[in-house]
Each structure stands twice: as structure tokens, then as C-alpha cells.
Amino acid sequence: MELPLIIRPVAGLNEDMFFDLCQANAQLLMERDKDGNIIVMAPTGSDTGNYNFEFGLELGLWNRKTGAGFVFDSSSGFTLPDGAVRSPDLSWISKSKWEALPETERRKFARICPDLVVEIMSMSDDLDDLQDKMKEYQTNGCSLGWLIDRIGKKVYIYRKDGSVESKVLPAQLSGEDLLPGLIVETNL
């Protein structure tokens, strides 16, 4: 496992400047934590990339059928209420919540926490770091989160009430009350 490159905060680097930095270096996947540290992450392996796509396809097909919201891939950044800028592997935001954002806000790292967040662990990820990230989403208002650890063969389900449930893979994931009717098999 490779550790991500962490660049300590630079005085005066505001949200617009961070957005511009990311756009000017689009070949790098960067996030920023609530303390201003910039995290540069490695791309996933091909197997994980395929799994991400197939999983996202299930979410996308459900969303196309219901029209309930908007699905985002890992290249989408969101500014969370605590100031962190995160790019989950997959995310979903309800239609009413997304459409309430001004169009200018949607063009950058929208100031919103997704309703559903999915993180799929790759060989370059650290489980403790991903669990901390999932708790961060939970703290910032995410209603449902799925952390899929294909290496350790577990899935962790994070709910709005602060609870975390773990299941052994393969498992069936439900969109629960948030995404009614969504069922995803983790053994894609």
C-alpha cells in the first residue's frame, strides 16, 4: 500500500485557489481536509476501477428509473460543511437538494454533503483512513454511506444516526429509506 502525498496547508490558499489548482493539475486526484492539508491520491488499479464502474452503473440505472436525484463519480469534488473538499468514489444527492444550489455553486466544488457516499477500498488505500473519511461524511450530514473493503471482505454501512454496521462480503446493500428500491449486490 502506498501512502498518499500530504501537502501541509499554505497560508492564503482559499477555496477558489484550491479549485484552480485542481483544474490546472487535472491529472492528479486531490482532496483537502478540514485543516487545509492537500491529499494527493494514487489512481486505483484496473480491477478496482472496473468494480467502481459496475457498482456506479447499478446506482445510475436505479436513479434513471426513479429520477430521484443525481449520481456523481470520483472526479466530483464537494466542499463539506467543515470546509473539507472530498471526492467520494460514488455519491448521490437528492434532486431537491441539488436543484436548490445556485448554478454558479454547482460549477465548482459545490458546498454540499452528498446524501449517499460510496468508498471502495483499493490497494493504495488505508482502511483506517477510509473509516475516518466515512465518519467525516457522517458528521457533515451524509444520510447513508457504504465503505466496501474487498480486500478484508467486509462492507461498513454508515447511517445518519451515527451507527456503523459491518457485514461480511458478499452482501446485499439496500438504499433503505433514502433510496427506496435500490438493491446492490457487492459481488459484481
C-alpha atoms as a PDB file:
ATOM      1  CA  MET A   1       0.000   0.000   0.000  1.00  0.00           C
ATOM      2  CA  GLU A   2       1.293   3.431  -0.943  1.00  0.00           C
ATOM      3  CA  LEU A   3       0.566   6.286   1.411  1.00  0.00           C
ATOM      4  CA  PRO A   4      -0.996   9.394  -0.126  1.00  0.00           C
ATOM      5  CA  LEU A   5       1.135  12.501  -0.500  1.00  0.00           C
ATOM      6  CA  ILE A   6       0.040  15.097   2.058  1.00  0.00           C
ATOM      7  CA  ILE A   7       0.886  18.741   1.404  1.00  0.00           C
ATOM      8  CA  ARG A   8       0.626  20.901   4.509  1.00  0.00           C
ATOM      9  CA  PRO A   9      -1.614  23.983   4.364  1.00  0.00           C
ATOM     10  CA  VAL A  10      -0.367  27.087   2.644  1.00  0.00           C
ATOM     11  CA  ALA A  11      -1.422  30.427   4.130  1.00  0.00           C
ATOM     12  CA  GLY A  12      -3.937  32.223   1.950  1.00  0.00           C
ATOM     13  CA  LEU A  13      -4.946  29.236  -0.220  1.00  0.00           C
ATOM     14  CA  ASN A  14      -8.687  29.860  -0.411  1.00  0.00           C
ATOM     15  CA  GLU A  15     -11.448  27.714  -1.960  1.00  0.00           C
ATOM     16  CA  ASP A  16     -11.230  29.345  -5.390  1.00  0.00           C
ATOM     17  CA  MET A  17      -7.452  28.939  -5.472  1.00  0.00           C
ATOM     18  CA  PHE A  18      -7.713  25.268  -4.497  1.00  0.00           C
ATOM     19  CA  PHE A  19     -10.294  24.723  -7.239  1.00  0.00           C
ATOM     20  CA  ASP A  20      -7.975  26.420  -9.763  1.00  0.00           C
ATOM     21  CA  LEU A  21      -5.032  24.303  -8.546  1.00  0.00           C
ATOM     22  CA  CYS A  22      -7.079  21.139  -9.111  1.00  0.00           C
ATOM     23  CA  GLN A  23      -8.167  22.288 -12.586  1.00  0.00           C
ATOM     24  CA  ALA A  24      -4.593  23.160 -13.580  1.00  0.00           C
ATOM     25  CA  ASN A  25      -3.426  19.720 -12.406  1.00  0.00           C
ATOM     26  CA  ALA A  26      -6.354  17.594 -13.558  1.00  0.00           C
ATOM     27  CA  GLN A  27      -4.125  14.511 -13.860  1.00  0.00           C
ATOM     28  CA  LEU A  28      -3.825  14.494 -10.050  1.00  0.00           C
ATOM     29  CA  LEU A  29      -6.629  13.383  -7.748  1.00  0.00           C
ATOM     30  CA  MET A  30      -6.592  15.842  -4.858  1.00  0.00           C
ATOM     31  CA  GLU A  31      -8.739  16.347  -1.800  1.00  0.00           C
ATOM     32  CA  ARG A  32      -8.386  18.821   1.049  1.00  0.00           C
ATOM     33  CA  ASP A  33      -9.132  18.011   4.676  1.00  0.00           C
ATOM     34  CA  LYS A  34     -10.826  20.368   7.137  1.00  0.00           C
ATOM     35  CA  ASP A  35      -7.392  21.548   8.336  1.00  0.00           C
ATOM     36  CA  GLY A  36      -6.347  22.623   4.828  1.00  0.00           C
ATOM     37  CA  ASN A  37      -3.955  19.724   4.140  1.00  0.00           C
ATOM     38  CA  ILE A  38      -3.977  18.734   0.470  1.00  0.00           C
ATOM     39  CA  ILE A  39      -4.070  14.978  -0.081  1.00  0.00           C
ATOM     40  CA  VAL A  40      -2.789  13.688  -3.423  1.00  0.00           C
ATOM     41  CA  MET A  41      -4.011  10.151  -4.053  1.00  0.00           C
ATOM     42  CA  ALA A  42      -2.862   7.411  -6.394  1.00  0.00           C
ATOM     43  CA  PRO A  43      -5.201   6.172  -9.117  1.00  0.00           C
ATOM     44  CA  THR A  44      -6.908   2.854  -8.446  1.00  0.00           C
ATOM     45  CA  GLY A  45      -5.878  -0.390 -10.053  1.00  0.00           C
ATOM     46  CA  SER A  46      -7.775  -1.558 -13.104  1.00  0.00           C
ATOM     47  CA  ASP A  47      -9.731  -4.211 -11.177  1.00  0.00           C
ATOM     48  CA  THR A  48     -10.956  -1.634  -8.647  1.00  0.00           C
ATOM     49  CA  GLY A  49     -11.783   0.809 -11.444  1.00  0.00           C
ATOM     50  CA  ASN A  50     -13.956  -1.800 -13.121  1.00  0.00           C
ATOM     51  CA  TYR A  51     -15.690  -2.630  -9.827  1.00  0.00           C
ATOM     52  CA  ASN A  52     -16.334   1.100  -9.229  1.00  0.00           C
ATOM     53  CA  PHE A  53     -17.875   1.415 -12.685  1.00  0.00           C
ATOM     54  CA  GLU A  54     -20.130  -1.628 -12.326  1.00  0.00           C
ATOM     55  CA  PHE A  55     -21.267  -0.504  -8.876  1.00  0.00           C
ATOM     56  CA  GLY A  56     -21.920   3.014 -10.174  1.00  0.00           C
ATOM     57  CA  LEU A  57     -23.875   1.595 -13.086  1.00  0.00           C
ATOM     58  CA  GLU A  58     -26.300  -0.086 -10.662  1.00  0.00           C
ATOM     59  CA  LEU A  59     -26.785   3.204  -8.814  1.00  0.00           C
ATOM     60  CA  GLY A  60     -27.149   5.101 -12.080  1.00  0.00           C
ATOM     61  CA  LEU A  61     -29.744   2.734 -13.525  1.00  0.00           C
ATOM     62  CA  TRP A  62     -31.806   2.957 -10.329  1.00  0.00           C
ATOM     63  CA  ASN A  63     -31.572   6.749 -10.441  1.00  0.00           C
ATOM     64  CA  ARG A  64     -32.507   6.936 -14.125  1.00  0.00           C
ATOM     65  CA  LYS A  65     -35.606   4.852 -13.408  1.00  0.00           C
ATOM     66  CA  THR A  66     -36.689   6.883 -10.364  1.00  0.00           C
ATOM     67  CA  GLY A  67     -35.444  10.361 -11.317  1.00  0.00           C
ATOM     68  CA  ALA A  68     -34.923  10.919  -7.594  1.00  0.00           C
ATOM     69  CA  GLY A  69     -31.580  12.693  -7.743  1.00  0.00           C
ATOM     70  CA  PHE A  70     -28.133  12.978  -9.262  1.00  0.00           C
ATOM     71  CA  VAL A  71     -25.228  10.479  -9.291  1.00  0.00           C
ATOM     72  CA  PHE A  72     -21.590  11.616  -9.200  1.00  0.00           C
ATOM     73  CA  ASP A  73     -18.342   9.779  -9.908  1.00  0.00           C
ATOM     74  CA  SER A  74     -14.930  10.051  -8.241  1.00  0.00           C
ATOM     75  CA  SER A  75     -13.901  13.086 -10.272  1.00  0.00           C
ATOM     76  CA  SER A  76     -16.553  15.202  -8.480  1.00  0.00           C
ATOM     77  CA  GLY A  77     -15.449  17.313  -5.539  1.00  0.00           C
ATOM     78  CA  PHE A  78     -17.735  18.592  -2.787  1.00  0.00           C
ATOM     79  CA  THR A  79     -16.995  21.200  -0.128  1.00  0.00           C
ATOM     80  CA  LEU A  80     -18.359  19.778   3.111  1.00  0.00           C
ATOM     81  CA  PRO A  81     -19.747  21.985   5.894  1.00  0.00           C
ATOM     82  CA  ASP A  82     -16.487  21.576   7.874  1.00  0.00           C
ATOM     83  CA  GLY A  83     -14.518  23.024   4.913  1.00  0.00           C
ATOM     84  CA  ALA A  84     -13.007  19.752   3.676  1.00  0.00           C
ATOM     85  CA  VAL A  85     -13.143  19.100  -0.067  1.00  0.00           C
ATOM     86  CA  ARG A  86     -13.808  15.418  -0.718  1.00  0.00           C
ATOM     87  CA  SER A  87     -14.295  13.261  -3.813  1.00  0.00           C
ATOM     88  CA  PRO A  88     -16.073  10.009  -2.921  1.00  0.00           C
ATOM     89  CA  ASP A  89     -15.806   7.104  -5.357  1.00  0.00           C
ATOM     90  CA  LEU A  90     -19.569   7.398  -5.918  1.00  0.00           C
ATOM     91  CA  SER A  91     -22.175   9.699  -4.468  1.00  0.00           C
ATOM     92  CA  TRP A  92     -25.804  10.624  -4.822  1.00  0.00           C
ATOM     93  CA  ILE A  93     -27.676  13.826  -3.976  1.00  0.00           C
ATOM     94  CA  SER A  94     -31.460  14.186  -3.922  1.00  0.00           C
ATOM     95  CA  LYS A  95     -32.986  16.201  -6.730  1.00  0.00           C
ATOM     96  CA  SER A  96     -34.458  18.872  -4.423  1.00  0.00           C
ATOM     97  CA  LYS A  97     -31.192  19.353  -2.534  1.00  0.00           C
ATOM     98  CA  TRP A  98     -29.088  19.619  -5.720  1.00  0.00           C
ATOM     99  CA  GLU A  99     -31.513  21.903  -7.541  1.00  0.00           C
ATOM    100  CA  ALA A 100     -31.605  24.244  -4.529  1.00  0.00           C
ATOM    101  CA  LEU A 101     -27.925  25.062  -5.165  1.00  0.00           C
ATOM    102  CA  PRO A 102     -27.240  28.097  -7.345  1.00  0.00           C
ATOM    103  CA  GLU A 103     -25.856  27.168 -10.772  1.00  0.00           C
ATOM    104  CA  THR A 104     -22.603  29.006 -10.024  1.00  0.00           C
ATOM    105  CA  GLU A 105     -22.151  26.805  -6.940  1.00  0.00           C
ATOM    106  CA  ARG A 106     -22.582  23.605  -8.982  1.00  0.00           C
ATOM    107  CA  ARG A 107     -19.732  24.531 -11.347  1.00  0.00           C
ATOM    108  CA  LYS A 108     -17.054  24.320  -8.678  1.00  0.00           C
ATOM    109  CA  PHE A 109     -16.728  22.103  -5.606  1.00  0.00           C
ATOM    110  CA  ALA A 110     -20.346  22.515  -4.547  1.00  0.00           C
ATOM    111  CA  ARG A 111     -20.909  23.386  -0.890  1.00  0.00           C
ATOM    112  CA  ILE A 112     -22.938  20.292  -0.096  1.00  0.00           C
ATOM    113  CA  CYS A 113     -22.536  16.919   1.544  1.00  0.00           C
ATOM    114  CA  PRO A 114     -23.900  14.084  -0.598  1.00  0.00           C
ATOM    115  CA  ASP A 115     -26.856  12.120   0.779  1.00  0.00           C
ATOM    116  CA  LEU A 116     -25.220   8.801  -0.179  1.00  0.00           C
ATOM    117  CA  VAL A 117     -21.464   8.232  -0.268  1.00  0.00           C
ATOM    118  CA  VAL A 118     -19.691   5.103  -1.508  1.00  0.00           C
ATOM    119  CA  GLU A 119     -15.987   4.469  -0.949  1.00  0.00           C
ATOM    120  CA  ILE A 120     -14.470   1.343  -2.480  1.00  0.00           C
ATOM    121  CA  MET A 121     -11.133   0.394  -0.977  1.00  0.00           C
ATOM    122  CA  SER A 122      -8.282  -0.100  -3.426  1.00  0.00           C
ATOM    123  CA  MET A 123      -4.768  -1.442  -2.880  1.00  0.00           C
ATOM    124  CA  SER A 124      -3.464   2.111  -2.370  1.00  0.00           C
ATOM    125  CA  ASP A 125      -5.995   2.884   0.402  1.00  0.00           C
ATOM    126  CA  ASP A 126      -5.657   2.502   4.159  1.00  0.00           C
ATOM    127  CA  LEU A 127      -8.757   1.137   5.909  1.00  0.00           C
ATOM    128  CA  ASP A 128      -8.355   3.394   8.975  1.00  0.00           C
ATOM    129  CA  ASP A 129      -8.089   6.478   6.739  1.00  0.00           C
ATOM    130  CA  LEU A 130     -11.222   5.479   4.813  1.00  0.00           C
ATOM    131  CA  GLN A 131     -13.141   4.804   8.033  1.00  0.00           C
ATOM    132  CA  ASP A 132     -12.151   8.276   9.270  1.00  0.00           C
ATOM    133  CA  LYS A 133     -13.330   9.744   5.963  1.00  0.00           C
ATOM    134  CA  MET A 134     -16.675   7.942   6.279  1.00  0.00           C
ATOM    135  CA  LYS A 135     -17.116   9.326   9.799  1.00  0.00           C
ATOM    136  CA  GLU A 136     -16.339  12.773   8.394  1.00  0.00           C
ATOM    137  CA  TYR A 137     -19.132  12.365   5.823  1.00  0.00           C
ATOM    138  CA  GLN A 138     -21.460  11.191   8.607  1.00  0.00           C
ATOM    139  CA  THR A 139     -20.587  14.216  10.781  1.00  0.00           C
ATOM    140  CA  ASN A 140     -21.167  16.563   7.835  1.00  0.00           C
ATOM    141  CA  GLY A 141     -24.712  15.334   7.163  1.00  0.00           C
ATOM    142  CA  CYS A 142     -24.437  12.268   4.924  1.00  0.00           C
ATOM    143  CA  SER A 143     -27.521  10.080   5.402  1.00  0.00           C
ATOM    144  CA  LEU A 144     -26.069   6.766   4.209  1.00  0.00           C
ATOM    145  CA  GLY A 145     -22.530   5.625   3.465  1.00  0.00           C
ATOM    146  CA  TRP A 146     -21.074   2.373   2.210  1.00  0.00           C
ATOM    147  CA  LEU A 147     -17.391   1.542   2.651  1.00  0.00           C
ATOM    148  CA  ILE A 148     -16.590  -1.585   0.669  1.00  0.00           C
ATOM    149  CA  ASP A 149     -13.397  -3.347   1.740  1.00  0.00           C
ATOM    150  CA  ARG A 150     -12.962  -6.007  -0.930  1.00  0.00           C
ATOM    151  CA  ILE A 151      -9.535  -6.906   0.478  1.00  0.00           C
ATOM    152  CA  GLY A 152     -10.806  -7.610   4.018  1.00  0.00           C
ATOM    153  CA  LYS A 153     -14.120  -8.909   2.604  1.00  0.00           C
ATOM    154  CA  LYS A 154     -16.319  -6.551   4.626  1.00  0.00           C
ATOM    155  CA  VAL A 155     -18.722  -3.718   3.974  1.00  0.00           C
ATOM    156  CA  TYR A 156     -19.334  -0.992   6.531  1.00  0.00           C
ATOM    157  CA  ILE A 157     -22.689   0.792   6.498  1.00  0.00           C
ATOM    158  CA  TYR A 158     -22.711   4.298   7.981  1.00  0.00           C
ATOM    159  CA  ARG A 159     -26.075   5.794   8.876  1.00  0.00           C
ATOM    160  CA  LYS A 160     -27.213   9.320   9.685  1.00  0.00           C
ATOM    161  CA  ASP A 161     -27.879   8.385  13.335  1.00  0.00           C
ATOM    162  CA  GLY A 162     -24.131   7.771  13.807  1.00  0.00           C
ATOM    163  CA  SER A 163     -24.344   3.989  13.767  1.00  0.00           C
ATOM    164  CA  VAL A 164     -21.986   1.760  11.798  1.00  0.00           C
ATOM    165  CA  GLU A 165     -22.893  -1.790  10.793  1.00  0.00           C
ATOM    166  CA  SER A 166     -20.496  -4.272   9.217  1.00  0.00           C
ATOM    167  CA  LYS A 167     -21.346  -7.236   7.007  1.00  0.00           C
ATOM    168  CA  VAL A 168     -19.208  -9.967   5.501  1.00  0.00           C
ATOM    169  CA  LEU A 169     -18.853  -9.875   1.702  1.00  0.00           C
ATOM    170  CA  PRO A 170     -20.552 -10.788  -0.495  1.00  0.00           C
ATOM    171  CA  ALA A 171     -23.524  -8.855   0.811  1.00  0.00           C
ATOM    172  CA  GLN A 172     -26.641  -7.178  -0.492  1.00  0.00           C
ATOM    173  CA  LEU A 173     -26.858  -3.437   0.142  1.00  0.00           C
ATOM    174  CA  SER A 174     -30.159  -1.619   0.398  1.00  0.00           C
ATOM    175  CA  GLY A 175     -30.824   2.040  -0.279  1.00  0.00           C
ATOM    176  CA  GLU A 176     -33.075   1.856   2.776  1.00  0.00           C
ATOM    177  CA  ASP A 177     -35.487   4.807   3.182  1.00  0.00           C
ATOM    178  CA  LEU A 178     -33.124   7.173   1.351  1.00  0.00           C
ATOM    179  CA  LEU A 179     -33.103   5.339  -1.988  1.00  0.00           C
ATOM    180  CA  PRO A 180     -36.183   3.082  -1.854  1.00  0.00           C
ATOM    181  CA  GLY A 181     -35.976   0.043  -4.080  1.00  0.00           C
ATOM    182  CA  LEU A 182     -32.212   0.240  -4.634  1.00  0.00           C
ATOM    183  CA  ILE A 183     -30.544  -3.120  -4.032  1.00  0.00           C
ATOM    184  CA  VAL A 184     -26.889  -3.613  -4.954  1.00  0.00           C
ATOM    185  CA  GLU A 185     -25.025  -6.913  -4.818  1.00  0.00           C
ATOM    186  CA  THR A 186     -21.421  -6.417  -3.705  1.00  0.00           C
ATOM    187  CA  ASN A 187     -20.151  -9.445  -5.629  1.00  0.00           C
ATOM    188  CA  LEU A 188     -20.381  -7.706  -9.000  1.00  0.00           C
END
